[in-house]
Amino acid sequence: DRVKTVLATSDDPGKSVKIVSRMPTMNGIATVVDTKTLQREGNLLVLVQTLVIRNERNGKEHTTIRYFLPHQGEIGAPAVTAKGLVKAG
């Protein structure tokens, strides 16, 4: 069975969300924990994403932390995919 499960929860609605996914890969089962939190840095609101990927078979784990700043100015044209379709923003 190649079943993927996803569960999204929040301990602080409006400020954070935690998405836990379990999915089969070529190397066994992977558990992915994607946590997104809004943090205030002075006068700026920043979205912090912590992504933890764990191989359940061998216990190896990798963590990535990314920071997203609010967009300022006009939003450009929608992206076009390789198949020529317009991708929703």
C-alpha atoms as a PDB file:
ATOM      1  CA  ASP A   1       0.000   0.000   0.000  1.00  0.00           C
ATOM      2  CA  ARG A   2       1.268   3.455  -0.927  1.00  0.00           C
ATOM      3  CA  VAL A   3      -0.941   5.398   1.466  1.00  0.00           C
ATOM      4  CA  LYS A   4      -0.082   8.965   2.438  1.00  0.00           C
ATOM      5  CA  THR A   5      -1.575  10.443   5.613  1.00  0.00           C
ATOM      6  CA  VAL A   6      -1.685  14.127   6.532  1.00  0.00           C
ATOM      7  CA  LEU A   7      -2.801  15.723   9.803  1.00  0.00           C
ATOM      8  CA  ALA A   8      -2.880  19.495  10.349  1.00  0.00           C
ATOM      9  CA  THR A   9      -3.219  20.907  13.876  1.00  0.00           C
ATOM     10  CA  SER A  10      -2.696  24.209  15.653  1.00  0.00           C
ATOM     11  CA  ASP A  11      -1.938  25.003  19.283  1.00  0.00           C
ATOM     12  CA  ASP A  12      -2.289  28.727  18.526  1.00  0.00           C
ATOM     13  CA  PRO A  13      -4.797  29.318  15.672  1.00  0.00           C
ATOM     14  CA  GLY A  14      -3.979  32.391  13.600  1.00  0.00           C
ATOM     15  CA  LYS A  15      -0.290  32.229  14.584  1.00  0.00           C
ATOM     16  CA  SER A  16       0.924  28.683  13.921  1.00  0.00           C
ATOM     17  CA  VAL A  17       0.087  25.438  12.153  1.00  0.00           C
ATOM     18  CA  LYS A  18       1.730  22.017  12.269  1.00  0.00           C
ATOM     19  CA  ILE A  19       1.283  19.587   9.373  1.00  0.00           C
ATOM     20  CA  VAL A  20       2.455  16.009   9.895  1.00  0.00           C
ATOM     21  CA  SER A  21       2.648  13.759   6.825  1.00  0.00           C
ATOM     22  CA  ARG A  22       3.632  10.104   6.581  1.00  0.00           C
ATOM     23  CA  MET A  23       4.328   8.705   3.156  1.00  0.00           C
ATOM     24  CA  PRO A  24       6.045   5.767   1.494  1.00  0.00           C
ATOM     25  CA  THR A  25       9.277   6.505  -0.373  1.00  0.00           C
ATOM     26  CA  MET A  26      11.811   4.359  -2.215  1.00  0.00           C
ATOM     27  CA  ASN A  27      13.770   4.178   1.069  1.00  0.00           C
ATOM     28  CA  GLY A  28      10.894   3.260   3.381  1.00  0.00           C
ATOM     29  CA  ILE A  29       8.412   5.449   5.244  1.00  0.00           C
ATOM     30  CA  ALA A  30       9.110   9.164   5.643  1.00  0.00           C
ATOM     31  CA  THR A  31       7.580  11.372   8.298  1.00  0.00           C
ATOM     32  CA  VAL A  32       7.517  15.074   7.439  1.00  0.00           C
ATOM     33  CA  VAL A  33       6.691  17.693  10.078  1.00  0.00           C
ATOM     34  CA  ASP A  34       6.052  21.118   8.540  1.00  0.00           C
ATOM     35  CA  THR A  35       5.576  23.836  11.169  1.00  0.00           C
ATOM     36  CA  LYS A  36       4.701  27.390  10.140  1.00  0.00           C
ATOM     37  CA  THR A  37       4.701  30.186  12.716  1.00  0.00           C
ATOM     38  CA  LEU A  38       4.114  33.928  12.441  1.00  0.00           C
ATOM     39  CA  GLN A  39       6.711  35.864  14.448  1.00  0.00           C
ATOM     40  CA  ARG A  40       7.075  39.583  14.979  1.00  0.00           C
ATOM     41  CA  GLU A  41      10.590  40.918  14.388  1.00  0.00           C
ATOM     42  CA  GLY A  42      10.410  44.571  15.448  1.00  0.00           C
ATOM     43  CA  ASN A  43       7.822  46.163  13.136  1.00  0.00           C
ATOM     44  CA  LEU A  44       7.936  43.238  10.689  1.00  0.00           C
ATOM     45  CA  LEU A  45       5.784  40.103  10.687  1.00  0.00           C
ATOM     46  CA  VAL A  46       7.804  37.072   9.513  1.00  0.00           C
ATOM     47  CA  LEU A  47       6.578  33.581   8.581  1.00  0.00           C
ATOM     48  CA  VAL A  48       9.031  30.958   9.870  1.00  0.00           C
ATOM     49  CA  GLN A  49       8.821  27.468   8.362  1.00  0.00           C
ATOM     50  CA  THR A  50      10.562  24.546  10.066  1.00  0.00           C
ATOM     51  CA  LEU A  51      10.587  21.400   7.950  1.00  0.00           C
ATOM     52  CA  VAL A  52      11.762  18.134   9.539  1.00  0.00           C
ATOM     53  CA  ILE A  53      12.057  15.056   7.302  1.00  0.00           C
ATOM     54  CA  ARG A  54      12.732  11.711   8.979  1.00  0.00           C
ATOM     55  CA  ASN A  55      13.387   8.309   7.416  1.00  0.00           C
ATOM     56  CA  GLU A  56      11.617   5.909   9.773  1.00  0.00           C
ATOM     57  CA  ARG A  57      13.666   2.910   8.647  1.00  0.00           C
ATOM     58  CA  ASN A  58      17.139   4.239   9.451  1.00  0.00           C
ATOM     59  CA  GLY A  59      16.259   7.116  11.814  1.00  0.00           C
ATOM     60  CA  LYS A  60      18.058   9.750   9.723  1.00  0.00           C
ATOM     61  CA  GLU A  61      16.565  13.218  10.023  1.00  0.00           C
ATOM     62  CA  HIS A  62      17.088  16.538   8.263  1.00  0.00           C
ATOM     63  CA  THR A  63      15.791  19.939   9.401  1.00  0.00           C
ATOM     64  CA  THR A  64      15.412  23.035   7.229  1.00  0.00           C
ATOM     65  CA  ILE A  65      14.337  26.442   8.539  1.00  0.00           C
ATOM     66  CA  ARG A  66      13.129  29.111   6.123  1.00  0.00           C
ATOM     67  CA  TYR A  67      12.038  32.707   6.714  1.00  0.00           C
ATOM     68  CA  PHE A  68       9.460  34.475   4.562  1.00  0.00           C
ATOM     69  CA  LEU A  69       9.056  38.256   4.557  1.00  0.00           C
ATOM     70  CA  PRO A  70       5.771  39.949   3.668  1.00  0.00           C
ATOM     71  CA  HIS A  71       5.414  40.930   0.033  1.00  0.00           C
ATOM     72  CA  GLN A  72       5.490  44.640  -0.757  1.00  0.00           C
ATOM     73  CA  GLY A  73       4.455  46.207  -4.035  1.00  0.00           C
ATOM     74  CA  GLU A  74       2.489  44.805  -6.940  1.00  0.00           C
ATOM     75  CA  ILE A  75       2.110  41.111  -7.551  1.00  0.00           C
ATOM     76  CA  GLY A  76       3.475  40.035 -10.934  1.00  0.00           C
ATOM     77  CA  ALA A  77       1.791  37.924 -13.591  1.00  0.00           C
ATOM     78  CA  PRO A  78       0.896  34.312 -12.710  1.00  0.00           C
ATOM     79  CA  ALA A  79       3.557  31.682 -13.395  1.00  0.00           C
ATOM     80  CA  VAL A  80       3.189  29.488 -16.469  1.00  0.00           C
ATOM     81  CA  THR A  81       3.872  25.788 -15.999  1.00  0.00           C
ATOM     82  CA  ALA A  82       5.926  23.596 -18.346  1.00  0.00           C
ATOM     83  CA  LYS A  83       2.656  22.440 -19.933  1.00  0.00           C
ATOM     84  CA  GLY A  84       1.696  26.043 -20.680  1.00  0.00           C
ATOM     85  CA  LEU A  85      -1.003  26.222 -18.010  1.00  0.00           C
ATOM     86  CA  VAL A  86      -1.365  29.290 -15.824  1.00  0.00           C
ATOM     87  CA  LYS A  87      -0.637  28.413 -12.227  1.00  0.00           C
ATOM     88  CA  ALA A  88      -2.873  29.967  -9.569  1.00  0.00           C
ATOM     89  CA  GLY A  89      -0.985  32.310  -7.256  1.00  0.00           C
END
